[in-house]
Amino acid sequence: MKIWTKIHITDKNKDIETIAKALTNYIYEYGPILDIAKKYNLSATDLKKLDQYTANRIGGLLMLYLAKDNRRINDIINKYNITSRIDNILPEIEGYIQKESK
């Protein structure tokens, strides 16, 4: 019988830590979280807790991806395929681009 549980991976991987931190900052740095924090008077401690939670989740997904553990990734997708709070996805990226010189 499968039981859904949360585990913390204690193996340290500096690359995953760096990427998870960077992606967390990428997601939250200029997004609506700052407006939400102001509106609801979220403290720096609250925001740090949210950042840590997000970085931990991203780190776990990266570990599964690098391990090519598609079965567990699919389990997560199946469990959390909840659409009630998310509308249509509009993929968004940012970064340096090479502009064509004319």
C-alpha atoms as a PDB file:
ATOM      1  CA  MET A   1       0.000   0.000   0.000  1.00  0.00           C
ATOM      2  CA  LYS A   2       1.347   3.400  -0.979  1.00  0.00           C
ATOM      3  CA  ILE A   3       1.275   6.089   1.674  1.00  0.00           C
ATOM      4  CA  TRP A   4       1.813   9.718   0.665  1.00  0.00           C
ATOM      5  CA  THR A   5       4.418  11.276   2.911  1.00  0.00           C
ATOM      6  CA  LYS A   6       6.897  14.123   2.918  1.00  0.00           C
ATOM      7  CA  ILE A   7      10.594  13.450   3.321  1.00  0.00           C
ATOM      8  CA  HIS A   8      13.539  15.772   3.608  1.00  0.00           C
ATOM      9  CA  ILE A   9      16.607  14.797   1.634  1.00  0.00           C
ATOM     10  CA  THR A  10      19.722  15.388   3.678  1.00  0.00           C
ATOM     11  CA  ASP A  11      22.197  14.853   0.835  1.00  0.00           C
ATOM     12  CA  LYS A  12      23.652  18.244   0.003  1.00  0.00           C
ATOM     13  CA  ASN A  13      24.060  19.226  -3.608  1.00  0.00           C
ATOM     14  CA  LYS A  14      25.338  22.789  -3.984  1.00  0.00           C
ATOM     15  CA  ASP A  15      24.215  23.000  -7.611  1.00  0.00           C
ATOM     16  CA  ILE A  16      20.648  22.108  -6.666  1.00  0.00           C
ATOM     17  CA  GLU A  17      20.726  24.533  -3.737  1.00  0.00           C
ATOM     18  CA  THR A  18      21.956  27.345  -5.987  1.00  0.00           C
ATOM     19  CA  ILE A  19      19.383  26.615  -8.684  1.00  0.00           C
ATOM     20  CA  ALA A  20      16.515  26.263  -6.181  1.00  0.00           C
ATOM     21  CA  LYS A  21      17.405  29.574  -4.530  1.00  0.00           C
ATOM     22  CA  ALA A  22      17.736  31.316  -7.896  1.00  0.00           C
ATOM     23  CA  LEU A  23      14.423  29.926  -9.170  1.00  0.00           C
ATOM     24  CA  THR A  24      12.650  30.941  -5.951  1.00  0.00           C
ATOM     25  CA  ASN A  25      13.955  34.481  -6.345  1.00  0.00           C
ATOM     26  CA  TYR A  26      13.043  34.410 -10.039  1.00  0.00           C
ATOM     27  CA  ILE A  27       9.473  33.415  -9.195  1.00  0.00           C
ATOM     28  CA  TYR A  28       8.897  35.904  -6.378  1.00  0.00           C
ATOM     29  CA  GLU A  29      11.270  38.846  -6.777  1.00  0.00           C
ATOM     30  CA  TYR A  30       9.128  41.167  -8.899  1.00  0.00           C
ATOM     31  CA  GLY A  31       5.829  39.315  -8.936  1.00  0.00           C
ATOM     32  CA  PRO A  32       2.600  39.955  -7.108  1.00  0.00           C
ATOM     33  CA  ILE A  33       3.988  38.565  -3.848  1.00  0.00           C
ATOM     34  CA  LEU A  34       5.336  42.012  -2.959  1.00  0.00           C
ATOM     35  CA  ASP A  35       1.880  43.578  -3.350  1.00  0.00           C
ATOM     36  CA  ILE A  36       0.333  40.735  -1.372  1.00  0.00           C
ATOM     37  CA  ALA A  37       2.929  41.159   1.384  1.00  0.00           C
ATOM     38  CA  LYS A  38       2.119  44.850   1.672  1.00  0.00           C
ATOM     39  CA  LYS A  39      -1.643  44.329   1.511  1.00  0.00           C
ATOM     40  CA  TYR A  40      -1.678  41.693   4.265  1.00  0.00           C
ATOM     41  CA  ASN A  41       1.255  43.042   6.265  1.00  0.00           C
ATOM     42  CA  LEU A  42       3.343  39.906   5.844  1.00  0.00           C
ATOM     43  CA  SER A  43       6.503  40.126   7.879  1.00  0.00           C
ATOM     44  CA  ALA A  44      10.012  39.429   6.644  1.00  0.00           C
ATOM     45  CA  THR A  45       9.791  36.188   8.643  1.00  0.00           C
ATOM     46  CA  ASP A  46       6.621  35.174   6.771  1.00  0.00           C
ATOM     47  CA  LEU A  47       8.242  35.891   3.414  1.00  0.00           C
ATOM     48  CA  LYS A  48      11.369  33.981   4.412  1.00  0.00           C
ATOM     49  CA  LYS A  49       9.213  30.995   5.393  1.00  0.00           C
ATOM     50  CA  LEU A  50       7.448  31.128   2.018  1.00  0.00           C
ATOM     51  CA  ASP A  51      10.768  31.411   0.170  1.00  0.00           C
ATOM     52  CA  GLN A  52      12.234  28.480   2.114  1.00  0.00           C
ATOM     53  CA  TYR A  53       9.179  26.309   1.472  1.00  0.00           C
ATOM     54  CA  THR A  54       9.299  27.081  -2.248  1.00  0.00           C
ATOM     55  CA  ALA A  55      13.066  26.517  -2.510  1.00  0.00           C
ATOM     56  CA  ASN A  56      12.725  23.177  -0.685  1.00  0.00           C
ATOM     57  CA  ARG A  57       9.997  22.048  -3.097  1.00  0.00           C
ATOM     58  CA  ILE A  58      11.941  23.158  -6.156  1.00  0.00           C
ATOM     59  CA  GLY A  59      15.043  21.416  -4.796  1.00  0.00           C
ATOM     60  CA  GLY A  60      13.097  18.187  -4.341  1.00  0.00           C
ATOM     61  CA  LEU A  61      11.754  18.348  -7.885  1.00  0.00           C
ATOM     62  CA  LEU A  62      15.237  18.989  -9.227  1.00  0.00           C
ATOM     63  CA  MET A  63      16.578  15.976  -7.322  1.00  0.00           C
ATOM     64  CA  LEU A  64      13.850  13.788  -8.814  1.00  0.00           C
ATOM     65  CA  TYR A  65      14.483  15.204 -12.288  1.00  0.00           C
ATOM     66  CA  LEU A  66      18.233  14.629 -12.110  1.00  0.00           C
ATOM     67  CA  ALA A  67      17.651  11.104 -10.796  1.00  0.00           C
ATOM     68  CA  LYS A  68      15.270  10.553 -13.737  1.00  0.00           C
ATOM     69  CA  ASP A  69      12.652   9.393 -11.226  1.00  0.00           C
ATOM     70  CA  ASN A  70       9.712   9.895 -13.587  1.00  0.00           C
ATOM     71  CA  ARG A  71       7.444   7.646 -11.537  1.00  0.00           C
ATOM     72  CA  ARG A  72       7.642   9.927  -8.505  1.00  0.00           C
ATOM     73  CA  ILE A  73       7.375  13.057 -10.651  1.00  0.00           C
ATOM     74  CA  ASN A  74       4.205  11.599 -12.197  1.00  0.00           C
ATOM     75  CA  ASP A  75       2.865  10.804  -8.711  1.00  0.00           C
ATOM     76  CA  ILE A  76       3.313  14.475  -7.775  1.00  0.00           C
ATOM     77  CA  ILE A  77       1.679  15.640 -10.998  1.00  0.00           C
ATOM     78  CA  ASN A  78      -1.299  13.334 -10.473  1.00  0.00           C
ATOM     79  CA  LYS A  79      -1.768  14.345  -6.832  1.00  0.00           C
ATOM     80  CA  TYR A  80      -1.439  18.096  -7.417  1.00  0.00           C
ATOM     81  CA  ASN A  81      -3.186  18.473 -10.764  1.00  0.00           C
ATOM     82  CA  ILE A  82      -5.629  20.885  -9.154  1.00  0.00           C
ATOM     83  CA  THR A  83      -6.986  23.519 -11.504  1.00  0.00           C
ATOM     84  CA  SER A  84      -9.298  25.461  -9.226  1.00  0.00           C
ATOM     85  CA  ARG A  85      -6.845  28.339  -8.579  1.00  0.00           C
ATOM     86  CA  ILE A  86      -4.938  28.336 -11.844  1.00  0.00           C
ATOM     87  CA  ASP A  87      -6.340  29.534 -15.143  1.00  0.00           C
ATOM     88  CA  ASN A  88      -4.645  29.188 -18.502  1.00  0.00           C
ATOM     89  CA  ILE A  89      -0.877  28.933 -18.337  1.00  0.00           C
ATOM     90  CA  LEU A  90       1.073  31.616 -20.154  1.00  0.00           C
ATOM     91  CA  PRO A  91       4.693  30.413 -20.101  1.00  0.00           C
ATOM     92  CA  GLU A  92       6.989  33.226 -19.086  1.00  0.00           C
ATOM     93  CA  ILE A  93      10.746  33.501 -19.148  1.00  0.00           C
ATOM     94  CA  GLU A  94      13.239  36.284 -18.856  1.00  0.00           C
ATOM     95  CA  GLY A  95      16.902  36.591 -19.593  1.00  0.00           C
ATOM     96  CA  TYR A  96      19.388  38.000 -21.985  1.00  0.00           C
ATOM     97  CA  ILE A  97      18.542  37.773 -25.652  1.00  0.00           C
ATOM     98  CA  GLN A  98      20.672  38.432 -28.691  1.00  0.00           C
ATOM     99  CA  LYS A  99      19.128  41.291 -30.635  1.00  0.00           C
ATOM    100  CA  GLU A 100      19.562  41.335 -34.360  1.00  0.00           C
ATOM    101  CA  SER A 101      21.595  44.307 -35.489  1.00  0.00           C
ATOM    102  CA  LYS A 102      20.192  46.129 -38.495  1.00  0.00           C
END
